[in-house]
Amino acid sequence: MKTFALSAVTAAALFSAGGVSAQTVFTVSSWLPPTHTLSMAQKEWCDQLEKNSSGRMKCNILPRGVTAAPGTYDAVKNGLADISYTVHGYTPGRFVLTQMSELPFLGNNAEPVAVAFNRIASKYPEFAAEHVGVKVLSYFTHGPGIVFNTKRPIAKVEDLSGLKFRVGGGMVNEIAKTLGMNVTLKPAPDSYELLSTGVMDGTLFPAESTESFKIDKIIRHATTFPGGLYNTSFVFMMNSAKFDKLSPEDKKVVDALSGEPAARIFGRGWDKVDTRAFGLMQANGVVVTKADAKFVADVKSKTAGLEQNWVKAAEAKGLKNASKVLADFRAEIAKLEK
């Protein structure tokens, strides 16, 4: 009995002296299934966070998202969830600078583009200023954008007309319009229903998404482009108030795992599933058409104005010399792809 009393007193003393600290639990949300690469990447980050903090911080990953994809940014901002990710383009007009990473022909793999995006965006506070109310843990992108459809091969710009496509919003919407495509803005998880019912004839996706959204047996044709026809910009984020309450030591742990390490986790995961998806396409008899030089040149010609539009819009939001920022971004991707 005396030993127990002594142990209890000792424990109380240690706790009051800071020898034992309370654990911080983050509520983590994903609007995609637990098996999706983004959900898995988020879990990998969370597992590393717990390990690096010696268990002081951990994640409570919810079984389903607290809101549909378009509401995720505000859900984190308002504290409905502490950590999540979202597509910038799901809230049209809200984010301008991040559309830099959605332009055509940027890169052939997700990891180098994601890392380059995070490196460049992190250098300029104007990017963070677009994310008021959340702490940006990382910026990242998916793999090269592909044109998928259920009807026919697409080998030239003219083939894109007459079909109805789902797009996710952001720069891809503008790219599609310049190419004369009939597009509807819908979140990725809606794709199966839209394509299986014939409401839409096609969708713009990275390779991975054909498996993730179970359209791999519905899609009949895919057209790939060197560097991708487009990309999609994501933000991985934490509620600002939650971060502010962390101890200085724990803030350092979060920061050390954020930025480039997080971008690599998301990008590496995406590249892995993109590779697997191409194997599934082959197994399912999807006809893959590689855009030839003329098709690429025609797309570049039609979309050239989008780059200048972005430069003007970015400078209007305070980003100085946006054309140089974009050039540095492309150079960073080229360096990382070597």
C-alpha atoms as a PDB file:
ATOM      1  CA  MET A   1       0.000   0.000   0.000  1.00  0.00           C
ATOM      2  CA  LYS A   2       2.837   2.366   0.825  1.00  0.00           C
ATOM      3  CA  THR A   3       4.503   1.570  -2.519  1.00  0.00           C
ATOM      4  CA  PHE A   4       1.286   2.364  -4.405  1.00  0.00           C
ATOM      5  CA  ALA A   5       0.889   5.655  -2.561  1.00  0.00           C
ATOM      6  CA  LEU A   6       4.445   6.632  -3.336  1.00  0.00           C
ATOM      7  CA  SER A   7       4.018   5.758  -7.017  1.00  0.00           C
ATOM      8  CA  ALA A   8       0.858   7.816  -7.259  1.00  0.00           C
ATOM      9  CA  VAL A   9       2.522  10.808  -5.640  1.00  0.00           C
ATOM     10  CA  THR A  10       5.541  10.453  -7.893  1.00  0.00           C
ATOM     11  CA  ALA A  11       3.361  10.251 -10.999  1.00  0.00           C
ATOM     12  CA  ALA A  12       1.400  13.316  -9.939  1.00  0.00           C
ATOM     13  CA  ALA A  13       4.624  15.217  -9.345  1.00  0.00           C
ATOM     14  CA  LEU A  14       6.002  14.220 -12.722  1.00  0.00           C
ATOM     15  CA  PHE A  15       2.791  15.246 -14.475  1.00  0.00           C
ATOM     16  CA  SER A  16       2.682  18.616 -12.750  1.00  0.00           C
ATOM     17  CA  ALA A  17       6.339  19.190 -13.565  1.00  0.00           C
ATOM     18  CA  GLY A  18       5.755  18.470 -17.209  1.00  0.00           C
ATOM     19  CA  GLY A  19       7.360  15.020 -17.154  1.00  0.00           C
ATOM     20  CA  VAL A  20       4.194  13.597 -18.707  1.00  0.00           C
ATOM     21  CA  SER A  21       2.445  15.718 -21.302  1.00  0.00           C
ATOM     22  CA  ALA A  22      -1.107  15.403 -22.539  1.00  0.00           C
ATOM     23  CA  GLN A  23      -1.482  13.802 -25.955  1.00  0.00           C
ATOM     24  CA  THR A  24      -2.732  15.905 -28.868  1.00  0.00           C
ATOM     25  CA  VAL A  25      -5.233  14.061 -31.046  1.00  0.00           C
ATOM     26  CA  PHE A  26      -5.992  15.427 -34.505  1.00  0.00           C
ATOM     27  CA  THR A  27      -9.349  14.710 -36.113  1.00  0.00           C
ATOM     28  CA  VAL A  28      -8.465  13.705 -39.668  1.00  0.00           C
ATOM     29  CA  SER A  29     -10.939  13.619 -42.560  1.00  0.00           C
ATOM     30  CA  SER A  30     -10.761  12.218 -46.099  1.00  0.00           C
ATOM     31  CA  TRP A  31     -13.492  12.560 -48.708  1.00  0.00           C
ATOM     32  CA  LEU A  32     -12.021   9.576 -50.547  1.00  0.00           C
ATOM     33  CA  PRO A  33     -12.156   5.899 -49.517  1.00  0.00           C
ATOM     34  CA  PRO A  34      -9.492   4.639 -47.068  1.00  0.00           C
ATOM     35  CA  THR A  35      -7.913   2.629 -49.904  1.00  0.00           C
ATOM     36  CA  HIS A  36      -7.364   5.673 -52.146  1.00  0.00           C
ATOM     37  CA  THR A  37      -3.748   6.776 -52.462  1.00  0.00           C
ATOM     38  CA  LEU A  38      -4.508  10.180 -50.920  1.00  0.00           C
ATOM     39  CA  SER A  39      -6.150   8.626 -47.867  1.00  0.00           C
ATOM     40  CA  MET A  40      -3.223   6.236 -47.554  1.00  0.00           C
ATOM     41  CA  ALA A  41      -0.681   9.048 -47.955  1.00  0.00           C
ATOM     42  CA  GLN A  42      -2.474  11.070 -45.282  1.00  0.00           C
ATOM     43  CA  LYS A  43      -2.338   8.043 -42.954  1.00  0.00           C
ATOM     44  CA  GLU A  44       1.372   7.568 -43.714  1.00  0.00           C
ATOM     45  CA  TRP A  45       1.978  11.196 -42.735  1.00  0.00           C
ATOM     46  CA  CYS A  46      -0.053  10.719 -39.548  1.00  0.00           C
ATOM     47  CA  ASP A  47       1.855   7.562 -38.618  1.00  0.00           C
ATOM     48  CA  GLN A  48       5.141   9.396 -39.103  1.00  0.00           C
ATOM     49  CA  LEU A  49       3.866  12.310 -37.010  1.00  0.00           C
ATOM     50  CA  GLU A  50       3.069   9.975 -34.108  1.00  0.00           C
ATOM     51  CA  LYS A  51       6.470   8.296 -34.415  1.00  0.00           C
ATOM     52  CA  ASN A  52       8.437  11.561 -34.677  1.00  0.00           C
ATOM     53  CA  SER A  53       6.655  13.034 -31.655  1.00  0.00           C
ATOM     54  CA  SER A  54       7.193   9.884 -29.540  1.00  0.00           C
ATOM     55  CA  GLY A  55       3.419   9.501 -29.330  1.00  0.00           C
ATOM     56  CA  ARG A  56       2.684  13.042 -28.125  1.00  0.00           C
ATOM     57  CA  MET A  57       0.628  13.629 -31.283  1.00  0.00           C
ATOM     58  CA  LYS A  58      -1.601  11.172 -33.084  1.00  0.00           C
ATOM     59  CA  CYS A  59      -4.425  11.155 -35.597  1.00  0.00           C
ATOM     60  CA  ASN A  60      -7.985   9.990 -35.232  1.00  0.00           C
ATOM     61  CA  ILE A  61      -8.814   9.194 -38.850  1.00  0.00           C
ATOM     62  CA  LEU A  62     -12.573   9.324 -39.316  1.00  0.00           C
ATOM     63  CA  PRO A  63     -14.274   6.447 -41.183  1.00  0.00           C
ATOM     64  CA  ARG A  64     -15.726   8.914 -43.679  1.00  0.00           C
ATOM     65  CA  GLY A  65     -15.249  12.559 -44.613  1.00  0.00           C
ATOM     66  CA  VAL A  66     -16.916  15.245 -42.516  1.00  0.00           C
ATOM     67  CA  THR A  67     -18.167  16.832 -45.727  1.00  0.00           C
ATOM     68  CA  ALA A  68     -18.173  16.351 -49.477  1.00  0.00           C
ATOM     69  CA  ALA A  69     -14.982  17.304 -51.302  1.00  0.00           C
ATOM     70  CA  PRO A  70     -15.926  20.928 -52.148  1.00  0.00           C
ATOM     71  CA  GLY A  71     -16.637  21.742 -48.490  1.00  0.00           C
ATOM     72  CA  THR A  72     -13.386  20.346 -47.110  1.00  0.00           C
ATOM     73  CA  TYR A  73     -11.369  23.569 -47.051  1.00  0.00           C
ATOM     74  CA  ASP A  74     -13.983  25.352 -44.941  1.00  0.00           C
ATOM     75  CA  ALA A  75     -14.443  22.270 -42.759  1.00  0.00           C
ATOM     76  CA  VAL A  76     -10.772  22.451 -41.759  1.00  0.00           C
ATOM     77  CA  LYS A  77     -10.838  26.241 -41.512  1.00  0.00           C
ATOM     78  CA  ASN A  78     -13.857  26.111 -39.189  1.00  0.00           C
ATOM     79  CA  GLY A  79     -12.541  23.252 -37.061  1.00  0.00           C
ATOM     80  CA  LEU A  80     -14.969  20.557 -38.187  1.00  0.00           C
ATOM     81  CA  ALA A  81     -11.807  18.566 -38.919  1.00  0.00           C
ATOM     82  CA  ASP A  82      -8.230  19.317 -37.871  1.00  0.00           C
ATOM     83  CA  ILE A  83      -6.441  17.869 -40.895  1.00  0.00           C
ATOM     84  CA  SER A  84      -7.446  17.070 -44.463  1.00  0.00           C
ATOM     85  CA  TYR A  85      -6.659  17.880 -48.096  1.00  0.00           C
ATOM     86  CA  THR A  86      -8.649  19.255 -50.987  1.00  0.00           C
ATOM     87  CA  VAL A  87      -8.560  20.193 -54.658  1.00  0.00           C
ATOM     88  CA  HIS A  88      -8.181  23.953 -55.073  1.00  0.00           C
ATOM     89  CA  GLY A  89     -10.395  23.892 -58.161  1.00  0.00           C
ATOM     90  CA  TYR A  90     -13.378  22.509 -56.258  1.00  0.00           C
ATOM     91  CA  THR A  91     -14.073  26.066 -55.093  1.00  0.00           C
ATOM     92  CA  PRO A  92     -13.880  28.034 -58.368  1.00  0.00           C
ATOM     93  CA  GLY A  93     -12.446  31.541 -58.170  1.00  0.00           C
ATOM     94  CA  ARG A  94     -11.108  31.142 -54.639  1.00  0.00           C
ATOM     95  CA  PHE A  95      -7.524  30.208 -55.503  1.00  0.00           C
ATOM     96  CA  VAL A  96      -5.572  31.810 -58.330  1.00  0.00           C
ATOM     97  CA  LEU A  97      -1.855  31.394 -57.659  1.00  0.00           C
ATOM     98  CA  THR A  98      -2.047  27.625 -57.233  1.00  0.00           C
ATOM     99  CA  GLN A  99      -3.350  27.274 -60.799  1.00  0.00           C
ATOM    100  CA  MET A 100       0.305  27.595 -61.815  1.00  0.00           C
ATOM    101  CA  SER A 101       0.608  23.851 -61.164  1.00  0.00           C
ATOM    102  CA  GLU A 102      -2.361  22.985 -63.398  1.00  0.00           C
ATOM    103  CA  LEU A 103      -1.037  24.236 -66.744  1.00  0.00           C
ATOM    104  CA  PRO A 104      -0.440  21.776 -69.608  1.00  0.00           C
ATOM    105  CA  PHE A 105       2.725  19.742 -70.200  1.00  0.00           C
ATOM    106  CA  LEU A 106       4.396  20.237 -66.803  1.00  0.00           C
ATOM    107  CA  GLY A 107       5.838  16.812 -66.043  1.00  0.00           C
ATOM    108  CA  ASN A 108       5.553  13.071 -66.465  1.00  0.00           C
ATOM    109  CA  ASN A 109       5.381  12.033 -62.799  1.00  0.00           C
ATOM    110  CA  ALA A 110       3.554  13.279 -59.733  1.00  0.00           C
ATOM    111  CA  GLU A 111       6.450  13.349 -57.274  1.00  0.00           C
ATOM    112  CA  PRO A 112       8.758  15.807 -59.091  1.00  0.00           C
ATOM    113  CA  VAL A 113       5.871  18.136 -59.986  1.00  0.00           C
ATOM    114  CA  ALA A 114       4.500  18.008 -56.428  1.00  0.00           C
ATOM    115  CA  VAL A 115       7.898  18.707 -54.876  1.00  0.00           C
ATOM    116  CA  ALA A 116       8.653  21.524 -57.337  1.00  0.00           C
ATOM    117  CA  PHE A 117       5.220  23.031 -56.693  1.00  0.00           C
ATOM    118  CA  ASN A 118       5.774  22.970 -52.944  1.00  0.00           C
ATOM    119  CA  ARG A 119       9.292  24.422 -53.240  1.00  0.00           C
ATOM    120  CA  ILE A 120       8.200  27.349 -55.396  1.00  0.00           C
ATOM    121  CA  ALA A 121       4.914  28.080 -53.592  1.00  0.00           C
ATOM    122  CA  SER A 122       6.638  27.991 -50.204  1.00  0.00           C
ATOM    123  CA  LYS A 123       9.070  30.703 -51.314  1.00  0.00           C
ATOM    124  CA  TYR A 124       6.299  33.244 -51.830  1.00  0.00           C
ATOM    125  CA  PRO A 125       4.009  34.307 -48.955  1.00  0.00           C
ATOM    126  CA  GLU A 126       1.370  35.292 -51.510  1.00  0.00           C
ATOM    127  CA  PHE A 127       0.523  31.581 -51.920  1.00  0.00           C
ATOM    128  CA  ALA A 128      -0.035  31.164 -48.181  1.00  0.00           C
ATOM    129  CA  ALA A 129      -2.120  34.365 -48.196  1.00  0.00           C
ATOM    130  CA  GLU A 130      -4.669  32.571 -50.391  1.00  0.00           C
ATOM    131  CA  HIS A 131      -5.120  30.026 -47.583  1.00  0.00           C
ATOM    132  CA  VAL A 132      -6.342  32.230 -44.754  1.00  0.00           C
ATOM    133  CA  GLY A 133      -7.638  30.252 -41.784  1.00  0.00           C
ATOM    134  CA  VAL A 134      -5.619  27.088 -42.349  1.00  0.00           C
ATOM    135  CA  LYS A 135      -1.993  26.128 -41.892  1.00  0.00           C
ATOM    136  CA  VAL A 136      -0.671  24.774 -45.179  1.00  0.00           C
ATOM    137  CA  LEU A 137       1.142  21.508 -44.497  1.00  0.00           C
ATOM    138  CA  SER A 138       2.000  20.989 -48.153  1.00  0.00           C
ATOM    139  CA  TYR A 139       1.082  21.783 -51.714  1.00  0.00           C
ATOM    140  CA  PHE A 140       1.050  18.842 -54.120  1.00  0.00           C
ATOM    141  CA  THR A 141      -0.314  17.556 -57.433  1.00  0.00           C
ATOM    142  CA  HIS A 142      -1.443  14.311 -58.981  1.00  0.00           C
ATOM    143  CA  GLY A 143       0.070  12.601 -62.025  1.00  0.00           C
ATOM    144  CA  PRO A 144      -0.217  13.700 -65.673  1.00  0.00           C
ATOM    145  CA  GLY A 145      -3.779  14.395 -66.820  1.00  0.00           C
ATOM    146  CA  ILE A 146      -5.268  12.037 -69.422  1.00  0.00           C
ATOM    147  CA  VAL A 147      -8.418  12.234 -71.575  1.00  0.00           C
ATOM    148  CA  PHE A 148     -10.656   9.190 -71.043  1.00  0.00           C
ATOM    149  CA  ASN A 149     -13.883   8.357 -72.841  1.00  0.00           C
ATOM    150  CA  THR A 150     -16.321   5.552 -73.541  1.00  0.00           C
ATOM    151  CA  LYS A 151     -16.936   6.253 -77.241  1.00  0.00           C
ATOM    152  CA  ARG A 152     -13.968   6.597 -79.607  1.00  0.00           C
ATOM    153  CA  PRO A 153     -10.234   7.195 -80.027  1.00  0.00           C
ATOM    154  CA  ILE A 154      -9.151  10.832 -79.702  1.00  0.00           C
ATOM    155  CA  ALA A 155      -6.129  11.583 -81.864  1.00  0.00           C
ATOM    156  CA  LYS A 156      -6.631  15.243 -82.767  1.00  0.00           C
ATOM    157  CA  VAL A 157      -8.268  18.352 -81.329  1.00  0.00           C
ATOM    158  CA  GLU A 158     -11.333  17.949 -83.527  1.00  0.00           C
ATOM    159  CA  ASP A 159     -12.056  14.547 -81.942  1.00  0.00           C
ATOM    160  CA  LEU A 160     -12.719  16.245 -78.597  1.00  0.00           C
ATOM    161  CA  SER A 161     -15.894  17.947 -79.788  1.00  0.00           C
ATOM    162  CA  GLY A 162     -19.270  16.253 -79.634  1.00  0.00           C
ATOM    163  CA  LEU A 163     -18.543  14.426 -76.375  1.00  0.00           C
ATOM    164  CA  LYS A 164     -19.552  15.371 -72.830  1.00  0.00           C
ATOM    165  CA  PHE A 165     -16.735  15.407 -70.246  1.00  0.00           C
ATOM    166  CA  ARG A 166     -16.570  15.650 -66.456  1.00  0.00           C
ATOM    167  CA  VAL A 167     -13.799  17.917 -65.142  1.00  0.00           C
ATOM    168  CA  GLY A 168     -12.766  18.798 -61.611  1.00  0.00           C
ATOM    169  CA  GLY A 169     -12.529  22.563 -61.953  1.00  0.00           C
ATOM    170  CA  GLY A 170      -9.671  25.021 -61.881  1.00  0.00           C
ATOM    171  CA  MET A 171      -7.308  25.380 -64.827  1.00  0.00           C
ATOM    172  CA  VAL A 172      -8.446  22.091 -66.395  1.00  0.00           C
ATOM    173  CA  ASN A 173     -11.836  23.675 -66.962  1.00  0.00           C
ATOM    174  CA  GLU A 174     -10.200  26.535 -68.890  1.00  0.00           C
ATOM    175  CA  ILE A 175      -7.967  24.145 -70.858  1.00  0.00           C
ATOM    176  CA  ALA A 176     -10.992  22.088 -71.870  1.00  0.00           C
ATOM    177  CA  LYS A 177     -12.906  25.177 -72.986  1.00  0.00           C
ATOM    178  CA  THR A 178     -10.051  26.397 -75.184  1.00  0.00           C
ATOM    179  CA  LEU A 179     -10.033  22.977 -76.852  1.00  0.00           C
ATOM    180  CA  GLY A 180     -13.745  23.213 -77.620  1.00  0.00           C
ATOM    181  CA  MET A 181     -14.772  20.518 -75.171  1.00  0.00           C
ATOM    182  CA  ASN A 182     -18.243  20.269 -73.642  1.00  0.00           C
ATOM    183  CA  VAL A 183     -17.462  20.034 -69.934  1.00  0.00           C
ATOM    184  CA  THR A 184     -19.356  19.846 -66.640  1.00  0.00           C
ATOM    185  CA  LEU A 185     -17.770  20.629 -63.281  1.00  0.00           C
ATOM    186  CA  LYS A 186     -18.252  17.649 -60.938  1.00  0.00           C
ATOM    187  CA  PRO A 187     -16.159  16.135 -58.108  1.00  0.00           C
ATOM    188  CA  ALA A 188     -14.184  13.012 -58.961  1.00  0.00           C
ATOM    189  CA  PRO A 189     -16.285  10.602 -56.819  1.00  0.00           C
ATOM    190  CA  ASP A 190     -19.296  11.327 -59.093  1.00  0.00           C
ATOM    191  CA  SER A 191     -17.521   9.865 -62.140  1.00  0.00           C
ATOM    192  CA  TYR A 192     -18.796   6.277 -61.958  1.00  0.00           C
ATOM    193  CA  GLU A 193     -22.443   7.287 -61.902  1.00  0.00           C
ATOM    194  CA  LEU A 194     -21.975   9.910 -64.622  1.00  0.00           C
ATOM    195  CA  LEU A 195     -20.173   7.535 -66.995  1.00  0.00           C
ATOM    196  CA  SER A 196     -22.067   4.330 -66.244  1.00  0.00           C
ATOM    197  CA  THR A 197     -25.420   6.018 -66.878  1.00  0.00           C
ATOM    198  CA  GLY A 198     -24.234   7.772 -70.035  1.00  0.00           C
ATOM    199  CA  VAL A 199     -24.791  11.251 -68.600  1.00  0.00           C
ATOM    200  CA  MET A 200     -21.142  11.892 -69.471  1.00  0.00           C
ATOM    201  CA  ASP A 201     -19.056  10.334 -72.245  1.00  0.00           C
ATOM    202  CA  GLY A 202     -15.682  10.926 -70.685  1.00  0.00           C
ATOM    203  CA  THR A 203     -13.598  12.446 -67.945  1.00  0.00           C
ATOM    204  CA  LEU A 204     -10.209  14.061 -67.457  1.00  0.00           C
ATOM    205  CA  PHE A 205      -8.196  12.157 -64.869  1.00  0.00           C
ATOM    206  CA  PRO A 206      -4.738  10.881 -64.035  1.00  0.00           C
ATOM    207  CA  ALA A 207      -4.309   7.142 -64.710  1.00  0.00           C
ATOM    208  CA  GLU A 208      -4.812   6.255 -61.035  1.00  0.00           C
ATOM    209  CA  SER A 209      -8.385   7.482 -60.955  1.00  0.00           C
ATOM    210  CA  THR A 210      -9.683   4.849 -63.378  1.00  0.00           C
ATOM    211  CA  GLU A 211      -9.111   2.244 -60.654  1.00  0.00           C
ATOM    212  CA  SER A 212      -9.937   4.410 -57.623  1.00  0.00           C
ATOM    213  CA  PHE A 213     -13.329   5.448 -58.949  1.00  0.00           C
ATOM    214  CA  LYS A 214     -14.101   2.037 -60.475  1.00  0.00           C
ATOM    215  CA  ILE A 215     -14.385   3.255 -64.063  1.00  0.00           C
ATOM    216  CA  ASP A 216     -11.588   1.008 -65.357  1.00  0.00           C
ATOM    217  CA  LYS A 217     -14.146  -1.378 -66.917  1.00  0.00           C
ATOM    218  CA  ILE A 218     -16.320   1.438 -68.302  1.00  0.00           C
ATOM    219  CA  ILE A 219     -13.631   3.475 -70.054  1.00  0.00           C
ATOM    220  CA  ARG A 220     -12.764   2.251 -73.551  1.00  0.00           C
ATOM    221  CA  HIS A 221     -10.289   4.905 -74.756  1.00  0.00           C
ATOM    222  CA  ALA A 222      -7.461   6.984 -73.253  1.00  0.00           C
ATOM    223  CA  THR A 223      -5.331   9.708 -74.816  1.00  0.00           C
ATOM    224  CA  THR A 224      -2.030  10.551 -73.124  1.00  0.00           C
ATOM    225  CA  PHE A 225       0.140  13.643 -73.600  1.00  0.00           C
ATOM    226  CA  PRO A 226       3.852  14.128 -72.874  1.00  0.00           C
ATOM    227  CA  GLY A 227       3.933  16.010 -69.566  1.00  0.00           C
ATOM    228  CA  GLY A 228       0.171  15.592 -69.170  1.00  0.00           C
ATOM    229  CA  LEU A 229      -2.661  17.603 -70.702  1.00  0.00           C
ATOM    230  CA  TYR A 230      -3.216  19.210 -67.302  1.00  0.00           C
ATOM    231  CA  ASN A 231      -2.568  18.732 -63.626  1.00  0.00           C
ATOM    232  CA  THR A 232      -4.565  19.259 -60.460  1.00  0.00           C
ATOM    233  CA  SER A 233      -3.479  21.358 -57.507  1.00  0.00           C
ATOM    234  CA  PHE A 234      -4.060  20.123 -53.950  1.00  0.00           C
ATOM    235  CA  VAL A 235      -3.452  21.532 -50.499  1.00  0.00           C
ATOM    236  CA  PHE A 236      -2.778  19.390 -47.416  1.00  0.00           C
ATOM    237  CA  MET A 237      -3.767  21.488 -44.418  1.00  0.00           C
ATOM    238  CA  MET A 238      -4.326  21.796 -40.690  1.00  0.00           C
ATOM    239  CA  ASN A 239      -6.706  23.976 -38.722  1.00  0.00           C
ATOM    240  CA  SER A 240      -4.706  27.072 -37.713  1.00  0.00           C
ATOM    241  CA  ALA A 241      -6.055  27.252 -34.164  1.00  0.00           C
ATOM    242  CA  LYS A 242      -5.145  23.599 -33.556  1.00  0.00           C
ATOM    243  CA  PHE A 243      -1.585  24.229 -34.697  1.00  0.00           C
ATOM    244  CA  ASP A 244      -1.285  27.399 -32.627  1.00  0.00           C
ATOM    245  CA  LYS A 245      -2.142  25.434 -29.460  1.00  0.00           C
ATOM    246  CA  LEU A 246       0.769  23.020 -29.927  1.00  0.00           C
ATOM    247  CA  SER A 247       3.892  23.326 -27.831  1.00  0.00           C
ATOM    248  CA  PRO A 248       6.975  24.823 -29.555  1.00  0.00           C
ATOM    249  CA  GLU A 249       8.508  21.335 -29.610  1.00  0.00           C
ATOM    250  CA  ASP A 250       5.480  19.792 -31.308  1.00  0.00           C
ATOM    251  CA  LYS A 251       5.210  22.648 -33.798  1.00  0.00           C
ATOM    252  CA  LYS A 252       8.770  21.836 -34.869  1.00  0.00           C
ATOM    253  CA  VAL A 253       7.814  18.194 -35.386  1.00  0.00           C
ATOM    254  CA  VAL A 254       4.838  19.178 -37.561  1.00  0.00           C
ATOM    255  CA  ASP A 255       6.903  21.642 -39.581  1.00  0.00           C
ATOM    256  CA  ALA A 256       9.725  19.142 -40.137  1.00  0.00           C
ATOM    257  CA  LEU A 257       7.273  16.653 -41.625  1.00  0.00           C
ATOM    258  CA  SER A 258       5.430  19.283 -43.672  1.00  0.00           C
ATOM    259  CA  GLY A 259       6.403  20.898 -46.964  1.00  0.00           C
ATOM    260  CA  GLU A 260       8.657  18.752 -49.124  1.00  0.00           C
ATOM    261  CA  PRO A 261       8.459  15.533 -47.035  1.00  0.00           C
ATOM    262  CA  ALA A 262       4.664  15.602 -47.255  1.00  0.00           C
ATOM    263  CA  ALA A 263       4.716  16.462 -50.971  1.00  0.00           C
ATOM    264  CA  ARG A 264       6.961  13.449 -51.573  1.00  0.00           C
ATOM    265  CA  ILE A 265       4.628  11.150 -49.638  1.00  0.00           C
ATOM    266  CA  PHE A 266       1.623  12.207 -51.712  1.00  0.00           C
ATOM    267  CA  GLY A 267       3.500  12.328 -55.036  1.00  0.00           C
ATOM    268  CA  ARG A 268       5.288   9.000 -54.560  1.00  0.00           C
ATOM    269  CA  GLY A 269       2.012   7.292 -53.678  1.00  0.00           C
ATOM    270  CA  TRP A 270       0.340   8.693 -56.774  1.00  0.00           C
ATOM    271  CA  ASP A 271       3.115   7.559 -59.103  1.00  0.00           C
ATOM    272  CA  LYS A 272       2.838   4.027 -57.731  1.00  0.00           C
ATOM    273  CA  VAL A 273      -0.887   3.744 -58.414  1.00  0.00           C
ATOM    274  CA  ASP A 274      -0.586   5.466 -61.820  1.00  0.00           C
ATOM    275  CA  THR A 275       1.798   2.705 -62.887  1.00  0.00           C
ATOM    276  CA  ARG A 276      -0.567   0.016 -61.630  1.00  0.00           C
ATOM    277  CA  ALA A 277      -3.521   1.669 -63.397  1.00  0.00           C
ATOM    278  CA  PHE A 278      -1.814   1.474 -66.784  1.00  0.00           C
ATOM    279  CA  GLY A 279      -1.461  -2.268 -66.242  1.00  0.00           C
ATOM    280  CA  LEU A 280      -5.165  -2.536 -65.470  1.00  0.00           C
ATOM    281  CA  MET A 281      -6.025  -0.523 -68.577  1.00  0.00           C
ATOM    282  CA  GLN A 282      -4.070  -2.977 -70.676  1.00  0.00           C
ATOM    283  CA  ALA A 283      -5.786  -5.916 -68.977  1.00  0.00           C
ATOM    284  CA  ASN A 284      -9.211  -4.379 -69.585  1.00  0.00           C
ATOM    285  CA  GLY A 285      -8.539  -3.656 -73.256  1.00  0.00           C
ATOM    286  CA  VAL A 286      -8.549   0.131 -73.000  1.00  0.00           C
ATOM    287  CA  VAL A 287      -7.155   1.572 -76.229  1.00  0.00           C
ATOM    288  CA  VAL A 288      -4.401   4.057 -75.370  1.00  0.00           C
ATOM    289  CA  THR A 289      -3.615   6.741 -77.958  1.00  0.00           C
ATOM    290  CA  LYS A 290      -0.420   8.758 -77.519  1.00  0.00           C
ATOM    291  CA  ALA A 291      -0.861  12.321 -78.751  1.00  0.00           C
ATOM    292  CA  ASP A 292       1.428  12.874 -81.734  1.00  0.00           C
ATOM    293  CA  ALA A 293       3.533  15.968 -82.412  1.00  0.00           C
ATOM    294  CA  LYS A 294       0.773  17.747 -84.357  1.00  0.00           C
ATOM    295  CA  PHE A 295      -1.849  17.090 -81.686  1.00  0.00           C
ATOM    296  CA  VAL A 296       0.517  18.403 -78.998  1.00  0.00           C
ATOM    297  CA  ALA A 297       1.401  21.467 -81.105  1.00  0.00           C
ATOM    298  CA  ASP A 298      -2.285  22.233 -81.696  1.00  0.00           C
ATOM    299  CA  VAL A 299      -3.042  21.963 -77.977  1.00  0.00           C
ATOM    300  CA  LYS A 300      -0.096  24.221 -77.129  1.00  0.00           C
ATOM    301  CA  SER A 301      -1.277  26.772 -79.664  1.00  0.00           C
ATOM    302  CA  LYS A 302      -4.829  26.824 -78.343  1.00  0.00           C
ATOM    303  CA  THR A 303      -3.849  26.921 -74.652  1.00  0.00           C
ATOM    304  CA  ALA A 304      -0.948  29.401 -74.941  1.00  0.00           C
ATOM    305  CA  GLY A 305      -3.105  32.287 -73.780  1.00  0.00           C
ATOM    306  CA  LEU A 306      -3.920  30.558 -70.496  1.00  0.00           C
ATOM    307  CA  GLU A 307      -0.367  31.014 -69.268  1.00  0.00           C
ATOM    308  CA  GLN A 308      -0.499  34.753 -69.857  1.00  0.00           C
ATOM    309  CA  ASN A 309      -3.947  34.908 -68.287  1.00  0.00           C
ATOM    310  CA  TRP A 310      -2.526  33.241 -65.180  1.00  0.00           C
ATOM    311  CA  VAL A 311       0.410  35.651 -65.065  1.00  0.00           C
ATOM    312  CA  LYS A 312      -1.941  38.655 -65.163  1.00  0.00           C
ATOM    313  CA  ALA A 313      -4.316  37.194 -62.579  1.00  0.00           C
ATOM    314  CA  ALA A 314      -1.442  36.207 -60.256  1.00  0.00           C
ATOM    315  CA  GLU A 315       0.126  39.662 -60.434  1.00  0.00           C
ATOM    316  CA  ALA A 316      -3.289  41.206 -59.753  1.00  0.00           C
ATOM    317  CA  LYS A 317      -3.311  39.183 -56.508  1.00  0.00           C
ATOM    318  CA  GLY A 318       0.093  40.540 -55.528  1.00  0.00           C
ATOM    319  CA  LEU A 319       2.564  37.992 -56.922  1.00  0.00           C
ATOM    320  CA  LYS A 320       5.344  40.056 -58.478  1.00  0.00           C
ATOM    321  CA  ASN A 321       6.992  38.888 -61.721  1.00  0.00           C
ATOM    322  CA  ALA A 322       4.667  35.896 -62.013  1.00  0.00           C
ATOM    323  CA  SER A 323       6.152  34.889 -65.382  1.00  0.00           C
ATOM    324  CA  LYS A 324       9.529  34.353 -63.688  1.00  0.00           C
ATOM    325  CA  VAL A 325       7.882  32.356 -60.888  1.00  0.00           C
ATOM    326  CA  LEU A 326       6.311  30.099 -63.527  1.00  0.00           C
ATOM    327  CA  ALA A 327       9.619  29.753 -65.384  1.00  0.00           C
ATOM    328  CA  ASP A 328      11.354  28.829 -62.115  1.00  0.00           C
ATOM    329  CA  PHE A 329       8.648  26.256 -61.455  1.00  0.00           C
ATOM    330  CA  ARG A 330       9.166  24.583 -64.833  1.00  0.00           C
ATOM    331  CA  ALA A 331      12.944  24.642 -64.322  1.00  0.00           C
ATOM    332  CA  GLU A 332      12.567  23.042 -60.902  1.00  0.00           C
ATOM    333  CA  ILE A 333      10.463  20.236 -62.375  1.00  0.00           C
ATOM    334  CA  ALA A 334      13.043  19.655 -65.126  1.00  0.00           C
ATOM    335  CA  LYS A 335      15.812  19.471 -62.516  1.00  0.00           C
ATOM    336  CA  LEU A 336      13.874  16.986 -60.383  1.00  0.00           C
ATOM    337  CA  GLU A 337      12.965  14.802 -63.362  1.00  0.00           C
ATOM    338  CA  LYS A 338      16.617  14.249 -64.358  1.00  0.00           C
END
